[in-house]
């Protein structure tokens, strides 16, 4: 970490996001195909639909942030096969990690100008946008986690807690005195 506490936080969130996504995909890989695609009433229907939504949303935000990529509607199934979706997820997580690497306070306080999916235009600070992006991931990962545990049992759901990631990676420890 480079000592810029604010920027370090977003680098940590980018790394945490990739860690949590990989844990979630590892659990999802254990589902039977019918369960993986079963519409269980989640906002995007199934595990498959929700994982696709997360990929689509991150691609949209990375397009807004970097100018690279393409946007499709939020409920689009962009990848049908699980292994290909998992690989694409890893690519987007790496893109977020690379995006966060050079951040500093000035960049975080800078404006991001974008249009939402309805065409409304906004200008927000980058740190506020990143707060949303990472919170959005957590929100929908929680939905997938609930679907996974319904199919596989409570013990099959991996811990996705931020504190588990921080402990595993030795982040934020101080002398307990």
C-alpha atoms as a PDB file:
ATOM      1  CA  UNK A   1       0.000   0.000   0.000  1.00  0.00           C
ATOM      2  CA  UNK A   2       1.290   3.427  -0.864  1.00  0.00           C
ATOM      3  CA  UNK A   3       0.328   5.329   2.287  1.00  0.00           C
ATOM      4  CA  UNK A   4      -2.633   7.198   0.750  1.00  0.00           C
ATOM      5  CA  UNK A   5      -5.233   5.856   3.153  1.00  0.00           C
ATOM      6  CA  UNK A   6      -8.247   6.727   0.986  1.00  0.00           C
ATOM      7  CA  UNK A   7      -6.776   5.243  -2.167  1.00  0.00           C
ATOM      8  CA  UNK A   8      -5.509   2.206  -0.254  1.00  0.00           C
ATOM      9  CA  UNK A   9      -9.081   1.523   0.848  1.00  0.00           C
ATOM     10  CA  UNK A  10     -10.258   1.296  -2.772  1.00  0.00           C
ATOM     11  CA  UNK A  11      -7.322  -0.897  -3.749  1.00  0.00           C
ATOM     12  CA  UNK A  12      -8.328  -3.167  -0.871  1.00  0.00           C
ATOM     13  CA  UNK A  13     -11.965  -3.175  -2.012  1.00  0.00           C
ATOM     14  CA  UNK A  14     -10.921  -4.081  -5.556  1.00  0.00           C
ATOM     15  CA  UNK A  15      -8.815  -6.969  -4.258  1.00  0.00           C
ATOM     16  CA  UNK A  16     -11.548  -8.049  -1.835  1.00  0.00           C
ATOM     17  CA  UNK A  17     -14.068  -7.998  -4.664  1.00  0.00           C
ATOM     18  CA  UNK A  18     -11.983 -10.451  -6.701  1.00  0.00           C
ATOM     19  CA  UNK A  19     -11.420 -12.664  -3.651  1.00  0.00           C
ATOM     20  CA  UNK A  20     -15.132 -12.775  -2.804  1.00  0.00           C
ATOM     21  CA  UNK A  21     -16.171 -13.388  -6.398  1.00  0.00           C
ATOM     22  CA  UNK A  22     -13.776 -16.319  -6.734  1.00  0.00           C
ATOM     23  CA  UNK A  23     -15.084 -17.854  -3.495  1.00  0.00           C
ATOM     24  CA  UNK A  24     -18.659 -17.410  -4.722  1.00  0.00           C
ATOM     25  CA  UNK A  25     -17.912 -18.961  -8.114  1.00  0.00           C
ATOM     26  CA  UNK A  26     -16.139 -21.890  -6.444  1.00  0.00           C
ATOM     27  CA  UNK A  27     -19.314 -22.597  -4.478  1.00  0.00           C
ATOM     28  CA  UNK A  28     -21.562 -22.047  -7.511  1.00  0.00           C
ATOM     29  CA  UNK A  29     -19.494 -24.603  -9.454  1.00  0.00           C
ATOM     30  CA  UNK A  30     -20.917 -27.259  -7.109  1.00  0.00           C
ATOM     31  CA  UNK A  31     -24.513 -26.611  -8.200  1.00  0.00           C
ATOM     32  CA  UNK A  32     -26.359 -28.970 -10.498  1.00  0.00           C
ATOM     33  CA  UNK A  33     -27.072 -27.222 -13.817  1.00  0.00           C
ATOM     34  CA  UNK A  34     -30.827 -27.184 -13.152  1.00  0.00           C
ATOM     35  CA  UNK A  35     -30.284 -25.451  -9.807  1.00  0.00           C
ATOM     36  CA  UNK A  36     -27.757 -23.023 -11.278  1.00  0.00           C
ATOM     37  CA  UNK A  37     -30.355 -21.854 -13.812  1.00  0.00           C
ATOM     38  CA  UNK A  38     -33.497 -22.214 -11.669  1.00  0.00           C
ATOM     39  CA  UNK A  39     -35.531 -19.024 -11.360  1.00  0.00           C
ATOM     40  CA  UNK A  40     -35.895 -18.690  -7.601  1.00  0.00           C
ATOM     41  CA  UNK A  41     -37.447 -15.237  -7.558  1.00  0.00           C
ATOM     42  CA  UNK A  42     -34.229 -13.293  -7.063  1.00  0.00           C
ATOM     43  CA  UNK A  43     -34.214  -9.911  -8.803  1.00  0.00           C
ATOM     44  CA  UNK A  44     -32.339 -11.446 -11.738  1.00  0.00           C
ATOM     45  CA  UNK A  45     -34.046 -14.817 -11.310  1.00  0.00           C
ATOM     46  CA  UNK A  46     -31.320 -17.391 -10.908  1.00  0.00           C
ATOM     47  CA  UNK A  47     -27.726 -17.776  -9.827  1.00  0.00           C
ATOM     48  CA  UNK A  48     -26.825 -17.617 -13.524  1.00  0.00           C
ATOM     49  CA  UNK A  49     -28.898 -14.475 -14.105  1.00  0.00           C
ATOM     50  CA  UNK A  50     -27.489 -12.716 -11.069  1.00  0.00           C
ATOM     51  CA  UNK A  51     -23.866 -13.568 -11.888  1.00  0.00           C
ATOM     52  CA  UNK A  52     -24.430 -12.279 -15.436  1.00  0.00           C
ATOM     53  CA  UNK A  53     -25.943  -9.069 -14.038  1.00  0.00           C
ATOM     54  CA  UNK A  54     -22.884  -8.469 -11.879  1.00  0.00           C
ATOM     55  CA  UNK A  55     -20.628  -8.902 -14.892  1.00  0.00           C
ATOM     56  CA  UNK A  56     -22.757  -6.578 -17.021  1.00  0.00           C
ATOM     57  CA  UNK A  57     -22.920  -3.906 -14.310  1.00  0.00           C
ATOM     58  CA  UNK A  58     -19.169  -3.980 -13.755  1.00  0.00           C
ATOM     59  CA  UNK A  59     -18.533  -3.717 -17.479  1.00  0.00           C
ATOM     60  CA  UNK A  60     -20.836  -0.695 -17.626  1.00  0.00           C
ATOM     61  CA  UNK A  61     -19.031   0.993 -14.729  1.00  0.00           C
ATOM     62  CA  UNK A  62     -15.607   0.208 -16.162  1.00  0.00           C
ATOM     63  CA  UNK A  63     -16.723   1.685 -19.481  1.00  0.00           C
ATOM     64  CA  UNK A  64     -17.789   4.841 -17.644  1.00  0.00           C
ATOM     65  CA  UNK A  65     -14.532   4.975 -15.704  1.00  0.00           C
ATOM     66  CA  UNK A  66     -12.035   4.004 -18.392  1.00  0.00           C
ATOM     67  CA  UNK A  67     -13.805   4.561 -21.714  1.00  0.00           C
ATOM     68  CA  UNK A  68     -13.064   0.932 -22.596  1.00  0.00           C
ATOM     69  CA  UNK A  69     -15.660  -1.741 -23.251  1.00  0.00           C
ATOM     70  CA  UNK A  70     -19.294  -1.876 -24.277  1.00  0.00           C
ATOM     71  CA  UNK A  71     -22.589  -1.545 -22.452  1.00  0.00           C
ATOM     72  CA  UNK A  72     -25.654  -3.772 -22.722  1.00  0.00           C
ATOM     73  CA  UNK A  73     -28.908  -3.753 -20.706  1.00  0.00           C
ATOM     74  CA  UNK A  74     -28.510  -4.761 -17.060  1.00  0.00           C
ATOM     75  CA  UNK A  75     -30.557  -7.969 -17.397  1.00  0.00           C
ATOM     76  CA  UNK A  76     -28.613  -9.265 -20.415  1.00  0.00           C
ATOM     77  CA  UNK A  77     -27.247 -12.785 -20.324  1.00  0.00           C
ATOM     78  CA  UNK A  78     -23.891 -12.063 -21.936  1.00  0.00           C
ATOM     79  CA  UNK A  79     -22.362 -15.490 -21.333  1.00  0.00           C
ATOM     80  CA  UNK A  80     -24.323 -18.742 -21.211  1.00  0.00           C
ATOM     81  CA  UNK A  81     -21.667 -21.208 -20.047  1.00  0.00           C
ATOM     82  CA  UNK A  82     -20.539 -21.187 -16.399  1.00  0.00           C
ATOM     83  CA  UNK A  83     -16.795 -21.678 -16.989  1.00  0.00           C
ATOM     84  CA  UNK A  84     -16.703 -18.870 -19.556  1.00  0.00           C
ATOM     85  CA  UNK A  85     -18.662 -16.599 -17.199  1.00  0.00           C
ATOM     86  CA  UNK A  86     -16.234 -17.404 -14.383  1.00  0.00           C
ATOM     87  CA  UNK A  87     -13.277 -16.559 -16.618  1.00  0.00           C
ATOM     88  CA  UNK A  88     -14.905 -13.288 -17.712  1.00  0.00           C
ATOM     89  CA  UNK A  89     -15.553 -12.418 -14.063  1.00  0.00           C
ATOM     90  CA  UNK A  90     -11.859 -12.872 -13.295  1.00  0.00           C
ATOM     91  CA  UNK A  91     -10.973 -10.537 -16.180  1.00  0.00           C
ATOM     92  CA  UNK A  92     -13.280  -7.797 -14.873  1.00  0.00           C
ATOM     93  CA  UNK A  93     -11.944  -8.212 -11.338  1.00  0.00           C
ATOM     94  CA  UNK A  94      -8.415  -7.792 -12.710  1.00  0.00           C
ATOM     95  CA  UNK A  95      -9.550  -4.665 -14.584  1.00  0.00           C
ATOM     96  CA  UNK A  96     -10.882  -3.174 -11.325  1.00  0.00           C
ATOM     97  CA  UNK A  97      -7.628  -4.022  -9.545  1.00  0.00           C
ATOM     98  CA  UNK A  98      -5.631  -2.358 -12.340  1.00  0.00           C
ATOM     99  CA  UNK A  99      -7.952   0.663 -12.285  1.00  0.00           C
ATOM    100  CA  UNK A 100      -7.525   1.076  -8.520  1.00  0.00           C
ATOM    101  CA  UNK A 101      -3.730   0.644  -8.500  1.00  0.00           C
ATOM    102  CA  UNK A 102      -2.748   4.225  -9.434  1.00  0.00           C
ATOM    103  CA  UNK A 103      -5.533   5.999  -7.525  1.00  0.00           C
ATOM    104  CA  UNK A 104      -4.694   8.869  -5.210  1.00  0.00           C
ATOM    105  CA  UNK A 105      -6.719  11.400  -3.242  1.00  0.00           C
ATOM    106  CA  UNK A 106      -6.885  13.828  -6.154  1.00  0.00           C
ATOM    107  CA  UNK A 107      -8.272  11.152  -8.467  1.00  0.00           C
ATOM    108  CA  UNK A 108     -10.805  10.012  -5.858  1.00  0.00           C
ATOM    109  CA  UNK A 109     -12.035  13.592  -5.467  1.00  0.00           C
ATOM    110  CA  UNK A 110     -12.280  14.023  -9.240  1.00  0.00           C
ATOM    111  CA  UNK A 111     -15.556  13.957 -11.139  1.00  0.00           C
ATOM    112  CA  UNK A 112     -16.955  11.043 -13.097  1.00  0.00           C
ATOM    113  CA  UNK A 113     -19.471  12.159 -15.708  1.00  0.00           C
ATOM    114  CA  UNK A 114     -21.819   9.514 -17.044  1.00  0.00           C
ATOM    115  CA  UNK A 115     -25.326   8.693 -18.192  1.00  0.00           C
ATOM    116  CA  UNK A 116     -27.277   5.936 -16.467  1.00  0.00           C
ATOM    117  CA  UNK A 117     -29.173   3.227 -18.326  1.00  0.00           C
ATOM    118  CA  UNK A 118     -32.182   5.558 -18.636  1.00  0.00           C
ATOM    119  CA  UNK A 119     -30.074   8.327 -20.167  1.00  0.00           C
ATOM    120  CA  UNK A 120     -30.068  10.633 -17.131  1.00  0.00           C
ATOM    121  CA  UNK A 121     -26.752  12.449 -16.799  1.00  0.00           C
ATOM    122  CA  UNK A 122     -24.738  12.648 -13.586  1.00  0.00           C
ATOM    123  CA  UNK A 123     -21.440  13.951 -12.286  1.00  0.00           C
ATOM    124  CA  UNK A 124     -20.178  12.417  -9.040  1.00  0.00           C
ATOM    125  CA  UNK A 125     -16.868  12.122  -7.256  1.00  0.00           C
ATOM    126  CA  UNK A 126     -14.969   8.961  -8.123  1.00  0.00           C
ATOM    127  CA  UNK A 127     -14.891   7.780  -4.500  1.00  0.00           C
ATOM    128  CA  UNK A 128     -18.687   7.942  -4.313  1.00  0.00           C
ATOM    129  CA  UNK A 129     -19.003   5.989  -7.561  1.00  0.00           C
ATOM    130  CA  UNK A 130     -16.592   3.335  -6.307  1.00  0.00           C
ATOM    131  CA  UNK A 131     -18.535   3.091  -3.038  1.00  0.00           C
ATOM    132  CA  UNK A 132     -21.587   2.221  -5.125  1.00  0.00           C
ATOM    133  CA  UNK A 133     -19.761  -0.227  -7.395  1.00  0.00           C
ATOM    134  CA  UNK A 134     -18.327  -2.268  -4.545  1.00  0.00           C
ATOM    135  CA  UNK A 135     -21.518  -2.106  -2.486  1.00  0.00           C
ATOM    136  CA  UNK A 136     -23.518  -3.244  -5.531  1.00  0.00           C
ATOM    137  CA  UNK A 137     -21.266  -6.280  -5.855  1.00  0.00           C
ATOM    138  CA  UNK A 138     -21.771  -7.114  -2.184  1.00  0.00           C
ATOM    139  CA  UNK A 139     -25.536  -6.745  -2.488  1.00  0.00           C
ATOM    140  CA  UNK A 140     -25.888  -9.161  -5.388  1.00  0.00           C
ATOM    141  CA  UNK A 141     -23.262 -11.574  -4.091  1.00  0.00           C
ATOM    142  CA  UNK A 142     -25.477 -11.827  -1.009  1.00  0.00           C
ATOM    143  CA  UNK A 143     -28.400 -12.802  -3.226  1.00  0.00           C
ATOM    144  CA  UNK A 144     -26.333 -15.493  -4.926  1.00  0.00           C
ATOM    145  CA  UNK A 145     -25.093 -16.690  -1.553  1.00  0.00           C
ATOM    146  CA  UNK A 146     -28.684 -17.086  -0.336  1.00  0.00           C
ATOM    147  CA  UNK A 147     -29.582 -19.095  -3.456  1.00  0.00           C
ATOM    148  CA  UNK A 148     -26.498 -21.280  -3.053  1.00  0.00           C
ATOM    149  CA  UNK A 149     -27.231 -22.103   0.564  1.00  0.00           C
ATOM    150  CA  UNK A 150     -30.853 -22.880  -0.282  1.00  0.00           C
ATOM    151  CA  UNK A 151     -29.648 -25.480  -2.782  1.00  0.00           C
ATOM    152  CA  UNK A 152     -26.499 -26.774  -1.095  1.00  0.00           C
ATOM    153  CA  UNK A 153     -27.089 -26.178   2.606  1.00  0.00           C
ATOM    154  CA  UNK A 154     -25.889 -23.584   5.048  1.00  0.00           C
ATOM    155  CA  UNK A 155     -22.385 -24.999   5.326  1.00  0.00           C
ATOM    156  CA  UNK A 156     -21.826 -24.785   1.550  1.00  0.00           C
ATOM    157  CA  UNK A 157     -21.885 -20.994   1.477  1.00  0.00           C
ATOM    158  CA  UNK A 158     -18.399 -19.524   1.734  1.00  0.00           C
ATOM    159  CA  UNK A 159     -17.680 -16.673   4.104  1.00  0.00           C
ATOM    160  CA  UNK A 160     -17.685 -13.504   2.047  1.00  0.00           C
ATOM    161  CA  UNK A 161     -17.249 -11.158   4.994  1.00  0.00           C
ATOM    162  CA  UNK A 162     -14.852  -8.298   4.446  1.00  0.00           C
ATOM    163  CA  UNK A 163     -13.335  -8.962   7.861  1.00  0.00           C
ATOM    164  CA  UNK A 164     -12.509 -12.539   6.776  1.00  0.00           C
ATOM    165  CA  UNK A 165     -10.641 -11.145   3.774  1.00  0.00           C
ATOM    166  CA  UNK A 166      -8.862  -8.569   5.942  1.00  0.00           C
ATOM    167  CA  UNK A 167      -7.810 -11.198   8.481  1.00  0.00           C
ATOM    168  CA  UNK A 168      -6.646 -13.579   5.756  1.00  0.00           C
ATOM    169  CA  UNK A 169      -4.545 -10.827   4.182  1.00  0.00           C
ATOM    170  CA  UNK A 170      -3.313  -9.200   7.410  1.00  0.00           C
ATOM    171  CA  UNK A 171      -5.019  -5.887   6.757  1.00  0.00           C
ATOM    172  CA  UNK A 172      -5.556  -3.336   9.494  1.00  0.00           C
ATOM    173  CA  UNK A 173      -3.942  -5.125  12.402  1.00  0.00           C
ATOM    174  CA  UNK A 174      -2.486  -2.970  15.142  1.00  0.00           C
ATOM    175  CA  UNK A 175      -0.620  -3.760  18.336  1.00  0.00           C
ATOM    176  CA  UNK A 176      -3.293  -4.851  20.807  1.00  0.00           C
ATOM    177  CA  UNK A 177      -1.225  -3.375  23.580  1.00  0.00           C
END
